[in-house]
Amino acid sequence: MTETTENVVVTIPDKTSFTFHEATTSPSEGEEFVVSHFRELTVKITGSSTSREVKFYAVDENGEKTALSGTNKTDFQLASSTLNTNEYWDFDIAGLFKVMFEVSAVNGDVSVKGNAVS
């Protein structure tokens, strides 16, 4: 979306929310997000689980998964998975086809939700 002010064009980033997992209680690949024109993704992992593992993946046009590294917003560490909850993660998704967050183990429930911006 663009906005014009005194003959100056300002581009306003597009934003969308997406739910990968909603209170899932068993291992699951969850929903895949089609990247399209989006460039950055911030994901929040929450839930009441006592243990969990969430793995981060890029998915190509053939459905092949490749580990995707993200930056933990708390300690700025890079990783392609997490065992923690109540965390925010940032991902550079420009040029990718799809991304997914696989819950490979969980004891309780875990939710994974994201906001993508162009």
PDB file of N, CA and C in Angstrom:
ATOM      1  N   MET A   1       0.857  -1.170   0.000  1.00  0.00           N
ATOM      2  CA  MET A   1       0.000   0.000   0.000  1.00  0.00           C
ATOM      3  C   MET A   1       0.904   1.234   0.000  1.00  0.00           C
ATOM      4  N   THR A   2       0.518   2.248  -0.748  1.00  0.00           N
ATOM      5  CA  THR A   2       1.285   3.487  -0.780  1.00  0.00           C
ATOM      6  C   THR A   2       0.411   4.650  -0.380  1.00  0.00           C
ATOM      7  N   GLU A   3       1.063   5.686   0.060  1.00  0.00           N
ATOM      8  CA  GLU A   3       0.380   6.898   0.484  1.00  0.00           C
ATOM      9  C   GLU A   3       1.151   8.073  -0.096  1.00  0.00           C
ATOM     10  N   THR A   4       0.447   9.042  -0.666  1.00  0.00           N
ATOM     11  CA  THR A   4       1.107  10.182  -1.279  1.00  0.00           C
ATOM     12  C   THR A   4       0.933  11.410  -0.401  1.00  0.00           C
ATOM     13  N   THR A   5       2.059  12.085  -0.102  1.00  0.00           N
ATOM     14  CA  THR A   5       2.048  13.311   0.671  1.00  0.00           C
ATOM     15  C   THR A   5       2.915  14.320  -0.054  1.00  0.00           C
ATOM     16  N   GLU A   6       2.292  15.393  -0.541  1.00  0.00           N
ATOM     17  CA  GLU A   6       3.011  16.461  -1.232  1.00  0.00           C
ATOM     18  C   GLU A   6       3.958  15.919  -2.303  1.00  0.00           C
ATOM     19  N   ASN A   7       3.403  15.099  -3.205  1.00  0.00           N
ATOM     20  CA  ASN A   7       4.151  14.529  -4.323  1.00  0.00           C
ATOM     21  C   ASN A   7       5.290  13.611  -3.896  1.00  0.00           C
ATOM     22  N   VAL A   8       5.276  13.119  -2.674  1.00  0.00           N
ATOM     23  CA  VAL A   8       6.259  12.145  -2.201  1.00  0.00           C
ATOM     24  C   VAL A   8       5.511  10.845  -1.945  1.00  0.00           C
ATOM     25  N   VAL A   9       5.974   9.774  -2.536  1.00  0.00           N
ATOM     26  CA  VAL A   9       5.331   8.480  -2.352  1.00  0.00           C
ATOM     27  C   VAL A   9       6.036   7.766  -1.208  1.00  0.00           C
ATOM     28  N   VAL A  10       5.242   7.368  -0.214  1.00  0.00           N
ATOM     29  CA  VAL A  10       5.750   6.653   0.951  1.00  0.00           C
ATOM     30  C   VAL A  10       5.174   5.242   0.912  1.00  0.00           C
ATOM     31  N   THR A  11       6.031   4.235   0.986  1.00  0.00           N
ATOM     32  CA  THR A  11       5.564   2.865   0.998  1.00  0.00           C
ATOM     33  C   THR A  11       5.322   2.428   2.441  1.00  0.00           C
ATOM     34  N   ILE A  12       4.123   1.949   2.702  1.00  0.00           N
ATOM     35  CA  ILE A  12       3.757   1.475   4.032  1.00  0.00           C
ATOM     36  C   ILE A  12       3.842  -0.046   4.004  1.00  0.00           C
ATOM     37  N   PRO A  13       4.660  -0.651   4.881  1.00  0.00           N
ATOM     38  CA  PRO A  13       4.796  -2.113   4.857  1.00  0.00           C
ATOM     39  C   PRO A  13       3.472  -2.821   5.096  1.00  0.00           C
ATOM     40  N   ASP A  14       3.291  -3.886   4.352  1.00  0.00           N
ATOM     41  CA  ASP A  14       2.126  -4.744   4.519  1.00  0.00           C
ATOM     42  C   ASP A  14       2.419  -5.701   5.670  1.00  0.00           C
ATOM     43  N   LYS A  15       1.415  -6.052   6.457  1.00  0.00           N
ATOM     44  CA  LYS A  15       1.593  -6.926   7.620  1.00  0.00           C
ATOM     45  C   LYS A  15       0.463  -7.952   7.643  1.00  0.00           C
ATOM     46  N   THR A  16       0.800  -9.186   8.049  1.00  0.00           N
ATOM     47  CA  THR A  16      -0.224 -10.214   8.206  1.00  0.00           C
ATOM     48  C   THR A  16       0.129 -11.100   9.391  1.00  0.00           C
ATOM     49  N   SER A  17      -0.894 -11.635  10.041  1.00  0.00           N
ATOM     50  CA  SER A  17      -0.718 -12.566  11.153  1.00  0.00           C
ATOM     51  C   SER A  17      -1.020 -13.978  10.659  1.00  0.00           C
ATOM     52  N   PHE A  18      -0.367 -14.966  11.280  1.00  0.00           N
ATOM     53  CA  PHE A  18      -0.537 -16.344  10.849  1.00  0.00           C
ATOM     54  C   PHE A  18      -0.379 -17.266  12.051  1.00  0.00           C
ATOM     55  N   THR A  19      -1.212 -18.301  12.134  1.00  0.00           N
ATOM     56  CA  THR A  19      -1.111 -19.288  13.211  1.00  0.00           C
ATOM     57  C   THR A  19      -0.560 -20.590  12.645  1.00  0.00           C
ATOM     58  N   PHE A  20       0.607 -21.003  13.137  1.00  0.00           N
ATOM     59  CA  PHE A  20       1.230 -22.254  12.731  1.00  0.00           C
ATOM     60  C   PHE A  20       0.677 -23.412  13.565  1.00  0.00           C
ATOM     61  N   HIS A  21       0.521 -23.190  14.872  1.00  0.00           N
ATOM     62  CA  HIS A  21      -0.045 -24.173  15.801  1.00  0.00           C
ATOM     63  C   HIS A  21      -0.889 -23.422  16.824  1.00  0.00           C
ATOM     64  N   GLU A  22      -2.048 -23.983  17.149  1.00  0.00           N
ATOM     65  CA  GLU A  22      -2.910 -23.407  18.179  1.00  0.00           C
ATOM     66  C   GLU A  22      -3.141 -24.453  19.251  1.00  0.00           C
ATOM     67  N   ALA A  23      -2.460 -24.325  20.376  1.00  0.00           N
ATOM     68  CA  ALA A  23      -2.600 -25.223  21.529  1.00  0.00           C
ATOM     69  C   ALA A  23      -2.499 -26.694  21.128  1.00  0.00           C
ATOM     70  N   THR A  24      -1.512 -27.015  20.294  1.00  0.00           N
ATOM     71  CA  THR A  24      -1.332 -28.405  19.880  1.00  0.00           C
ATOM     72  C   THR A  24      -0.776 -29.229  21.040  1.00  0.00           C
ATOM     73  N   THR A  25      -1.258 -30.453  21.156  1.00  0.00           N
ATOM     74  CA  THR A  25      -0.859 -31.322  22.265  1.00  0.00           C
ATOM     75  C   THR A  25      -0.113 -32.570  21.787  1.00  0.00           C
ATOM     76  N   SER A  26       0.149 -32.658  20.481  1.00  0.00           N
ATOM     77  CA  SER A  26       0.887 -33.797  19.935  1.00  0.00           C
ATOM     78  C   SER A  26       1.820 -33.313  18.823  1.00  0.00           C
ATOM     79  N   PRO A  27       2.873 -34.076  18.536  1.00  0.00           N
ATOM     80  CA  PRO A  27       3.791 -33.679  17.474  1.00  0.00           C
ATOM     81  C   PRO A  27       3.046 -33.455  16.156  1.00  0.00           C
ATOM     82  N   SER A  28       3.430 -32.384  15.456  1.00  0.00           N
ATOM     83  CA  SER A  28       2.746 -32.013  14.218  1.00  0.00           C
ATOM     84  C   SER A  28       3.596 -31.032  13.438  1.00  0.00           C
ATOM     85  N   GLU A  29       3.503 -31.092  12.098  1.00  0.00           N
ATOM     86  CA  GLU A  29       4.187 -30.101  11.265  1.00  0.00           C
ATOM     87  C   GLU A  29       3.453 -28.769  11.294  1.00  0.00           C
ATOM     88  N   GLY A  30       2.180 -28.766  11.562  1.00  0.00           N
ATOM     89  CA  GLY A  30       1.415 -27.531  11.623  1.00  0.00           C
ATOM     90  C   GLY A  30       1.148 -26.955  10.248  1.00  0.00           C
ATOM     91  N   GLU A  31       0.722 -25.714  10.226  1.00  0.00           N
ATOM     92  CA  GLU A  31       0.388 -25.020   8.984  1.00  0.00           C
ATOM     93  C   GLU A  31       1.643 -24.419   8.360  1.00  0.00           C
ATOM     94  N   GLU A  32       1.690 -24.396   7.027  1.00  0.00           N
ATOM     95  CA  GLU A  32       2.791 -23.767   6.295  1.00  0.00           C
ATOM     96  C   GLU A  32       2.378 -22.365   5.871  1.00  0.00           C
ATOM     97  N   PHE A  33       3.289 -21.413   6.021  1.00  0.00           N
ATOM     98  CA  PHE A  33       3.041 -20.029   5.619  1.00  0.00           C
ATOM     99  C   PHE A  33       3.684 -19.788   4.263  1.00  0.00           C
ATOM    100  N   VAL A  34       2.891 -19.372   3.269  1.00  0.00           N
ATOM    101  CA  VAL A  34       3.413 -19.027   1.953  1.00  0.00           C
ATOM    102  C   VAL A  34       3.991 -17.618   2.044  1.00  0.00           C
ATOM    103  N   VAL A  35       5.300 -17.509   1.794  1.00  0.00           N
ATOM    104  CA  VAL A  35       6.023 -16.260   2.026  1.00  0.00           C
ATOM    105  C   VAL A  35       5.560 -15.133   1.117  1.00  0.00           C
ATOM    106  N   SER A  36       5.361 -15.394  -0.175  1.00  0.00           N
ATOM    107  CA  SER A  36       4.936 -14.373  -1.130  1.00  0.00           C
ATOM    108  C   SER A  36       5.891 -13.173  -1.102  1.00  0.00           C
ATOM    109  N   HIS A  37       5.372 -11.975  -0.870  1.00  0.00           N
ATOM    110  CA  HIS A  37       6.176 -10.749  -0.899  1.00  0.00           C
ATOM    111  C   HIS A  37       6.723 -10.356   0.481  1.00  0.00           C
ATOM    112  N   PHE A  38       6.446 -11.158   1.495  1.00  0.00           N
ATOM    113  CA  PHE A  38       6.880 -10.801   2.844  1.00  0.00           C
ATOM    114  C   PHE A  38       8.380 -11.020   3.011  1.00  0.00           C
ATOM    115  N   ARG A  39       9.001 -10.216   3.862  1.00  0.00           N
ATOM    116  CA  ARG A  39      10.454 -10.238   4.018  1.00  0.00           C
ATOM    117  C   ARG A  39      10.922 -10.634   5.411  1.00  0.00           C
ATOM    118  N   GLU A  40      10.130 -10.331   6.419  1.00  0.00           N
ATOM    119  CA  GLU A  40      10.524 -10.615   7.800  1.00  0.00           C
ATOM    120  C   GLU A  40       9.362 -11.260   8.544  1.00  0.00           C
ATOM    121  N   LEU A  41       9.708 -12.165   9.464  1.00  0.00           N
ATOM    122  CA  LEU A  41       8.707 -12.879  10.238  1.00  0.00           C
ATOM    123  C   LEU A  41       9.139 -12.901  11.699  1.00  0.00           C
ATOM    124  N   THR A  42       8.232 -12.506  12.587  1.00  0.00           N
ATOM    125  CA  THR A  42       8.457 -12.625  14.027  1.00  0.00           C
ATOM    126  C   THR A  42       7.461 -13.647  14.550  1.00  0.00           C
ATOM    127  N   VAL A  43       7.977 -14.651  15.273  1.00  0.00           N
ATOM    128  CA  VAL A  43       7.158 -15.750  15.768  1.00  0.00           C
ATOM    129  C   VAL A  43       7.187 -15.749  17.289  1.00  0.00           C
ATOM    130  N   LYS A  44       6.027 -15.996  17.901  1.00  0.00           N
ATOM    131  CA  LYS A  44       5.950 -16.154  19.349  1.00  0.00           C
ATOM    132  C   LYS A  44       5.541 -17.585  19.658  1.00  0.00           C
ATOM    133  N   ILE A  45       6.306 -18.212  20.554  1.00  0.00           N
ATOM    134  CA  ILE A  45       6.024 -19.570  20.996  1.00  0.00           C
ATOM    135  C   ILE A  45       5.515 -19.495  22.428  1.00  0.00           C
ATOM    136  N   THR A  46       4.301 -20.006  22.664  1.00  0.00           N
ATOM    137  CA  THR A  46       3.682 -19.941  23.985  1.00  0.00           C
ATOM    138  C   THR A  46       3.062 -21.293  24.324  1.00  0.00           C
ATOM    139  N   GLY A  47       2.528 -21.399  25.510  1.00  0.00           N
ATOM    140  CA  GLY A  47       1.793 -22.593  25.897  1.00  0.00           C
ATOM    141  C   GLY A  47       2.095 -23.012  27.314  1.00  0.00           C
ATOM    142  N   SER A  48       1.342 -24.007  27.772  1.00  0.00           N
ATOM    143  CA  SER A  48       1.488 -24.491  29.144  1.00  0.00           C
ATOM    144  C   SER A  48       2.281 -25.787  29.209  1.00  0.00           C
ATOM    145  N   SER A  49       2.925 -26.164  28.121  1.00  0.00           N
ATOM    146  CA  SER A  49       3.664 -27.425  28.097  1.00  0.00           C
ATOM    147  C   SER A  49       4.839 -27.386  29.068  1.00  0.00           C
ATOM    148  N   THR A  50       5.113 -28.537  29.671  1.00  0.00           N
ATOM    149  CA  THR A  50       6.255 -28.657  30.590  1.00  0.00           C
ATOM    150  C   THR A  50       7.529 -28.962  29.816  1.00  0.00           C
ATOM    151  N   SER A  51       7.384 -29.481  28.606  1.00  0.00           N
ATOM    152  CA  SER A  51       8.521 -29.678  27.700  1.00  0.00           C
ATOM    153  C   SER A  51       8.002 -29.649  26.271  1.00  0.00           C
ATOM    154  N   ARG A  52       8.878 -29.239  25.354  1.00  0.00           N
ATOM    155  CA  ARG A  52       8.500 -29.165  23.958  1.00  0.00           C
ATOM    156  C   ARG A  52       9.759 -28.971  23.133  1.00  0.00           C
ATOM    157  N   GLU A  53       9.678 -29.321  21.827  1.00  0.00           N
ATOM    158  CA  GLU A  53      10.727 -28.964  20.869  1.00  0.00           C
ATOM    159  C   GLU A  53      10.040 -28.461  19.616  1.00  0.00           C
ATOM    160  N   VAL A  54      10.434 -27.270  19.179  1.00  0.00           N
ATOM    161  CA  VAL A  54       9.908 -26.678  17.960  1.00  0.00           C
ATOM    162  C   VAL A  54      11.090 -26.496  17.010  1.00  0.00           C
ATOM    163  N   LYS A  55      10.956 -27.053  15.803  1.00  0.00           N
ATOM    164  CA  LYS A  55      12.003 -26.960  14.783  1.00  0.00           C
ATOM    165  C   LYS A  55      11.545 -25.997  13.697  1.00  0.00           C
ATOM    166  N   PHE A  56      12.484 -25.188  13.190  1.00  0.00           N
ATOM    167  CA  PHE A  56      12.182 -24.156  12.203  1.00  0.00           C
ATOM    168  C   PHE A  56      12.639 -24.634  10.821  1.00  0.00           C
ATOM    169  N   TYR A  57      11.758 -24.500   9.805  1.00  0.00           N
ATOM    170  CA  TYR A  57      12.089 -24.963   8.462  1.00  0.00           C
ATOM    171  C   TYR A  57      11.649 -23.984   7.377  1.00  0.00           C
ATOM    172  N   ALA A  58      12.456 -23.951   6.297  1.00  0.00           N
ATOM    173  CA  ALA A  58      12.029 -23.383   5.028  1.00  0.00           C
ATOM    174  C   ALA A  58      11.561 -24.568   4.190  1.00  0.00           C
ATOM    175  N   VAL A  59      10.532 -24.368   3.375  1.00  0.00           N
ATOM    176  CA  VAL A  59       9.992 -25.432   2.529  1.00  0.00           C
ATOM    177  C   VAL A  59      10.028 -24.939   1.087  1.00  0.00           C
ATOM    178  N   ASP A  60      10.642 -25.744   0.192  1.00  0.00           N
ATOM    179  CA  ASP A  60      10.732 -25.312  -1.204  1.00  0.00           C
ATOM    180  C   ASP A  60       9.501 -25.745  -1.999  1.00  0.00           C
ATOM    181  N   GLU A  61       9.501 -25.431  -3.292  1.00  0.00           N
ATOM    182  CA  GLU A  61       8.361 -25.708  -4.165  1.00  0.00           C
ATOM    183  C   GLU A  61       8.053 -27.199  -4.283  1.00  0.00           C
ATOM    184  N   ASN A  62       9.041 -28.062  -3.989  1.00  0.00           N
ATOM    185  CA  ASN A  62       8.846 -29.514  -4.062  1.00  0.00           C
ATOM    186  C   ASN A  62       8.457 -30.119  -2.717  1.00  0.00           C
ATOM    187  N   GLY A  63       8.289 -29.284  -1.695  1.00  0.00           N
ATOM    188  CA  GLY A  63       7.921 -29.758  -0.370  1.00  0.00           C
ATOM    189  C   GLY A  63       9.096 -30.210   0.480  1.00  0.00           C
ATOM    190  N   GLU A  64      10.321 -29.980  -0.002  1.00  0.00           N
ATOM    191  CA  GLU A  64      11.506 -30.372   0.758  1.00  0.00           C
ATOM    192  C   GLU A  64      11.791 -29.362   1.858  1.00  0.00           C
ATOM    193  N   LYS A  65      11.990 -29.877   3.083  1.00  0.00           N
ATOM    194  CA  LYS A  65      12.259 -29.027   4.243  1.00  0.00           C
ATOM    195  C   LYS A  65      13.761 -28.837   4.417  1.00  0.00           C
ATOM    196  N   THR A  66      14.157 -27.597   4.757  1.00  0.00           N
ATOM    197  CA  THR A  66      15.539 -27.268   5.077  1.00  0.00           C
ATOM    198  C   THR A  66      15.531 -26.479   6.371  1.00  0.00           C
ATOM    199  N   ALA A  67      16.448 -26.817   7.277  1.00  0.00           N
ATOM    200  CA  ALA A  67      16.508 -26.089   8.556  1.00  0.00           C
ATOM    201  C   ALA A  67      16.657 -24.596   8.305  1.00  0.00           C
ATOM    202  N   LEU A  68      15.946 -23.808   9.097  1.00  0.00           N
ATOM    203  CA  LEU A  68      15.948 -22.349   8.983  1.00  0.00           C
ATOM    204  C   LEU A  68      16.387 -21.765  10.320  1.00  0.00           C
ATOM    205  N   SER A  69      17.413 -20.939  10.300  1.00  0.00           N
ATOM    206  CA  SER A  69      17.884 -20.309  11.537  1.00  0.00           C
ATOM    207  C   SER A  69      17.129 -19.017  11.790  1.00  0.00           C
ATOM    208  N   GLY A  70      16.838 -18.803  13.060  1.00  0.00           N
ATOM    209  CA  GLY A  70      16.204 -17.569  13.495  1.00  0.00           C
ATOM    210  C   GLY A  70      17.000 -16.975  14.632  1.00  0.00           C
ATOM    211  N   THR A  71      16.670 -15.750  14.984  1.00  0.00           N
ATOM    212  CA  THR A  71      17.343 -15.052  16.073  1.00  0.00           C
ATOM    213  C   THR A  71      16.383 -14.921  17.242  1.00  0.00           C
ATOM    214  N   ASN A  72      16.800 -15.438  18.393  1.00  0.00           N
ATOM    215  CA  ASN A  72      16.013 -15.312  19.614  1.00  0.00           C
ATOM    216  C   ASN A  72      16.073 -13.847  20.050  1.00  0.00           C
ATOM    217  N   LYS A  73      14.908 -13.209  20.225  1.00  0.00           N
ATOM    218  CA  LYS A  73      14.881 -11.784  20.558  1.00  0.00           C
ATOM    219  C   LYS A  73      15.309 -11.493  21.993  1.00  0.00           C
ATOM    220  N   THR A  74      15.432 -12.520  22.840  1.00  0.00           N
ATOM    221  CA  THR A  74      15.855 -12.316  24.227  1.00  0.00           C
ATOM    222  C   THR A  74      17.371 -12.227  24.349  1.00  0.00           C
ATOM    223  N   ASP A  75      18.062 -13.201  23.760  1.00  0.00           N
ATOM    224  CA  ASP A  75      19.519 -13.250  23.915  1.00  0.00           C
ATOM    225  C   ASP A  75      20.284 -13.135  22.595  1.00  0.00           C
ATOM    226  N   PHE A  76      19.573 -12.935  21.484  1.00  0.00           N
ATOM    227  CA  PHE A  76      20.155 -12.736  20.153  1.00  0.00           C
ATOM    228  C   PHE A  76      20.972 -13.925  19.669  1.00  0.00           C
ATOM    229  N   GLN A  77      20.678 -15.128  20.193  1.00  0.00           N
ATOM    230  CA  GLN A  77      21.347 -16.339  19.741  1.00  0.00           C
ATOM    231  C   GLN A  77      20.643 -16.867  18.487  1.00  0.00           C
ATOM    232  N   LEU A  78      21.435 -17.425  17.558  1.00  0.00           N
ATOM    233  CA  LEU A  78      20.895 -18.062  16.360  1.00  0.00           C
ATOM    234  C   LEU A  78      20.631 -19.530  16.651  1.00  0.00           C
ATOM    235  N   ALA A  79      19.523 -20.052  16.118  1.00  0.00           N
ATOM    236  CA  ALA A  79      19.214 -21.472  16.281  1.00  0.00           C
ATOM    237  C   ALA A  79      18.187 -21.880  15.227  1.00  0.00           C
ATOM    238  N   SER A  80      18.101 -23.190  14.964  1.00  0.00           N
ATOM    239  CA  SER A  80      17.098 -23.717  14.040  1.00  0.00           C
ATOM    240  C   SER A  80      16.040 -24.538  14.787  1.00  0.00           C
ATOM    241  N   SER A  81      16.045 -24.442  16.128  1.00  0.00           N
ATOM    242  CA  SER A  81      15.015 -25.082  16.947  1.00  0.00           C
ATOM    243  C   SER A  81      15.090 -24.494  18.355  1.00  0.00           C
ATOM    244  N   THR A  82      14.063 -24.798  19.149  1.00  0.00           N
ATOM    245  CA  THR A  82      14.062 -24.355  20.542  1.00  0.00           C
ATOM    246  C   THR A  82      13.348 -25.387  21.411  1.00  0.00           C
ATOM    247  N   LEU A  83      13.766 -25.438  22.648  1.00  0.00           N
ATOM    248  CA  LEU A  83      13.126 -26.285  23.651  1.00  0.00           C
ATOM    249  C   LEU A  83      12.320 -25.447  24.641  1.00  0.00           C
ATOM    250  N   ASN A  84      12.325 -24.126  24.448  1.00  0.00           N
ATOM    251  CA  ASN A  84      11.730 -23.195  25.404  1.00  0.00           C
ATOM    252  C   ASN A  84      10.357 -22.720  24.950  1.00  0.00           C
ATOM    253  N   THR A  85       9.705 -21.973  25.823  1.00  0.00           N
ATOM    254  CA  THR A  85       8.410 -21.368  25.517  1.00  0.00           C
ATOM    255  C   THR A  85       8.439 -19.917  25.985  1.00  0.00           C
ATOM    256  N   ASN A  86       7.399 -19.171  25.643  1.00  0.00           N
ATOM    257  CA  ASN A  86       7.326 -17.736  25.941  1.00  0.00           C
ATOM    258  C   ASN A  86       8.542 -17.009  25.377  1.00  0.00           C
ATOM    259  N   GLU A  87       8.781 -17.254  24.086  1.00  0.00           N
ATOM    260  CA  GLU A  87       9.900 -16.646  23.369  1.00  0.00           C
ATOM    261  C   GLU A  87       9.415 -15.997  22.083  1.00  0.00           C
ATOM    262  N   TYR A  88      10.165 -14.991  21.639  1.00  0.00           N
ATOM    263  CA  TYR A  88       9.986 -14.393  20.325  1.00  0.00           C
ATOM    264  C   TYR A  88      11.212 -14.715  19.485  1.00  0.00           C
ATOM    265  N   TRP A  89      10.985 -15.041  18.204  1.00  0.00           N
ATOM    266  CA  TRP A  89      12.053 -15.343  17.263  1.00  0.00           C
ATOM    267  C   TRP A  89      11.856 -14.512  16.003  1.00  0.00           C
ATOM    268  N   ASP A  90      12.959 -13.994  15.443  1.00  0.00           N
ATOM    269  CA  ASP A  90      12.937 -13.241  14.186  1.00  0.00           C
ATOM    270  C   ASP A  90      13.556 -14.076  13.070  1.00  0.00           C
ATOM    271  N   PHE A  91      12.935 -14.009  11.875  1.00  0.00           N
ATOM    272  CA  PHE A  91      13.417 -14.746  10.711  1.00  0.00           C
ATOM    273  C   PHE A  91      13.445 -13.837   9.494  1.00  0.00           C
ATOM    274  N   ASP A  92      14.516 -13.938   8.707  1.00  0.00           N
ATOM    275  CA  ASP A  92      14.604 -13.291   7.405  1.00  0.00           C
ATOM    276  C   ASP A  92      14.033 -14.293   6.415  1.00  0.00           C
ATOM    277  N   ILE A  93      12.860 -14.007   5.845  1.00  0.00           N
ATOM    278  CA  ILE A  93      12.194 -14.969   4.973  1.00  0.00           C
ATOM    279  C   ILE A  93      12.162 -14.515   3.515  1.00  0.00           C
ATOM    280  N   ALA A  94      12.803 -13.390   3.198  1.00  0.00           N
ATOM    281  CA  ALA A  94      12.808 -12.885   1.821  1.00  0.00           C
ATOM    282  C   ALA A  94      13.375 -13.953   0.891  1.00  0.00           C
ATOM    283  N   GLY A  95      12.672 -14.218  -0.189  1.00  0.00           N
ATOM    284  CA  GLY A  95      13.134 -15.169  -1.193  1.00  0.00           C
ATOM    285  C   GLY A  95      12.762 -16.619  -0.931  1.00  0.00           C
ATOM    286  N   LEU A  96      12.182 -16.931   0.228  1.00  0.00           N
ATOM    287  CA  LEU A  96      11.768 -18.300   0.517  1.00  0.00           C
ATOM    288  C   LEU A  96      10.375 -18.553  -0.061  1.00  0.00           C
ATOM    289  N   PHE A  97      10.031 -19.816  -0.260  1.00  0.00           N
ATOM    290  CA  PHE A  97       8.709 -20.182  -0.775  1.00  0.00           C
ATOM    291  C   PHE A  97       7.700 -20.300   0.366  1.00  0.00           C
ATOM    292  N   LYS A  98       8.022 -21.160   1.355  1.00  0.00           N
ATOM    293  CA  LYS A  98       7.170 -21.336   2.526  1.00  0.00           C
ATOM    294  C   LYS A  98       8.046 -21.511   3.759  1.00  0.00           C
ATOM    295  N   VAL A  99       7.457 -21.283   4.941  1.00  0.00           N
ATOM    296  CA  VAL A  99       8.118 -21.599   6.205  1.00  0.00           C
ATOM    297  C   VAL A  99       7.136 -22.383   7.065  1.00  0.00           C
ATOM    298  N   MET A 100       7.708 -23.215   7.947  1.00  0.00           N
ATOM    299  CA  MET A 100       6.880 -23.993   8.866  1.00  0.00           C
ATOM    300  C   MET A 100       7.632 -24.181  10.171  1.00  0.00           C
ATOM    301  N   PHE A 101       6.889 -24.449  11.225  1.00  0.00           N
ATOM    302  CA  PHE A 101       7.457 -24.639  12.556  1.00  0.00           C
ATOM    303  C   PHE A 101       6.902 -25.960  13.086  1.00  0.00           C
ATOM    304  N   GLU A 102       7.735 -26.983  13.046  1.00  0.00           N
ATOM    305  CA  GLU A 102       7.316 -28.329  13.422  1.00  0.00           C
ATOM    306  C   GLU A 102       7.439 -28.544  14.924  1.00  0.00           C
ATOM    307  N   VAL A 103       6.347 -28.959  15.545  1.00  0.00           N
ATOM    308  CA  VAL A 103       6.394 -29.373  16.950  1.00  0.00           C
ATOM    309  C   VAL A 103       6.774 -30.848  16.913  1.00  0.00           C
ATOM    310  N   SER A 104       8.031 -31.153  17.269  1.00  0.00           N
ATOM    311  CA  SER A 104       8.503 -32.539  17.172  1.00  0.00           C
ATOM    312  C   SER A 104       8.282 -33.305  18.470  1.00  0.00           C
ATOM    313  N   ALA A 105       8.083 -32.591  19.573  1.00  0.00           N
ATOM    314  CA  ALA A 105       7.781 -33.222  20.862  1.00  0.00           C
ATOM    315  C   ALA A 105       7.064 -32.200  21.731  1.00  0.00           C
ATOM    316  N   VAL A 106       6.088 -32.667  22.511  1.00  0.00           N
ATOM    317  CA  VAL A 106       5.385 -31.752  23.416  1.00  0.00           C
ATOM    318  C   VAL A 106       4.741 -32.548  24.546  1.00  0.00           C
ATOM    319  N   ASN A 107       4.826 -32.001  25.751  1.00  0.00           N
ATOM    320  CA  ASN A 107       4.150 -32.560  26.922  1.00  0.00           C
ATOM    321  C   ASN A 107       3.295 -31.426  27.483  1.00  0.00           C
ATOM    322  N   GLY A 108       2.027 -31.387  27.098  1.00  0.00           N
ATOM    323  CA  GLY A 108       1.142 -30.271  27.412  1.00  0.00           C
ATOM    324  C   GLY A 108       0.671 -29.671  26.109  1.00  0.00           C
ATOM    325  N   ASP A 109       0.573 -28.351  26.046  1.00  0.00           N
ATOM    326  CA  ASP A 109       0.188 -27.711  24.775  1.00  0.00           C
ATOM    327  C   ASP A 109       1.156 -26.588  24.430  1.00  0.00           C
ATOM    328  N   VAL A 110       1.268 -26.325  23.135  1.00  0.00           N
ATOM    329  CA  VAL A 110       2.140 -25.264  22.647  1.00  0.00           C
ATOM    330  C   VAL A 110       1.458 -24.588  21.451  1.00  0.00           C
ATOM    331  N   SER A 111       1.604 -23.266  21.365  1.00  0.00           N
ATOM    332  CA  SER A 111       1.093 -22.482  20.249  1.00  0.00           C
ATOM    333  C   SER A 111       2.259 -21.751  19.594  1.00  0.00           C
ATOM    334  N   VAL A 112       2.192 -21.653  18.273  1.00  0.00           N
ATOM    335  CA  VAL A 112       3.209 -20.929  17.510  1.00  0.00           C
ATOM    336  C   VAL A 112       2.457 -19.998  16.564  1.00  0.00           C
ATOM    337  N   LYS A 113       2.649 -18.697  16.755  1.00  0.00           N
ATOM    338  CA  LYS A 113       1.959 -17.683  15.938  1.00  0.00           C
ATOM    339  C   LYS A 113       2.970 -16.673  15.450  1.00  0.00           C
ATOM    340  N   GLY A 114       2.718 -16.108  14.254  1.00  0.00           N
ATOM    341  CA  GLY A 114       3.675 -15.181  13.690  1.00  0.00           C
ATOM    342  C   GLY A 114       3.046 -13.969  13.058  1.00  0.00           C
ATOM    343  N   ASN A 115       3.884 -12.935  12.883  1.00  0.00           N
ATOM    344  CA  ASN A 115       3.525 -11.727  12.149  1.00  0.00           C
ATOM    345  C   ASN A 115       4.589 -11.509  11.075  1.00  0.00           C
ATOM    346  N   ALA A 116       4.145 -11.413   9.835  1.00  0.00           N
ATOM    347  CA  ALA A 116       5.059 -11.187   8.714  1.00  0.00           C
ATOM    348  C   ALA A 116       4.856  -9.775   8.181  1.00  0.00           C
ATOM    349  N   VAL A 117       5.970  -9.142   7.780  1.00  0.00           N
ATOM    350  CA  VAL A 117       5.904  -7.798   7.197  1.00  0.00           C
ATOM    351  C   VAL A 117       6.693  -7.783   5.897  1.00  0.00           C
ATOM    352  N   SER A 118       6.244  -6.915   4.998  1.00  0.00           N
ATOM    353  CA  SER A 118       6.910  -6.806   3.696  1.00  0.00           C
ATOM    354  C   SER A 118       8.017  -5.759   3.751  1.00  0.00           C
TER     355      SER A 118
END
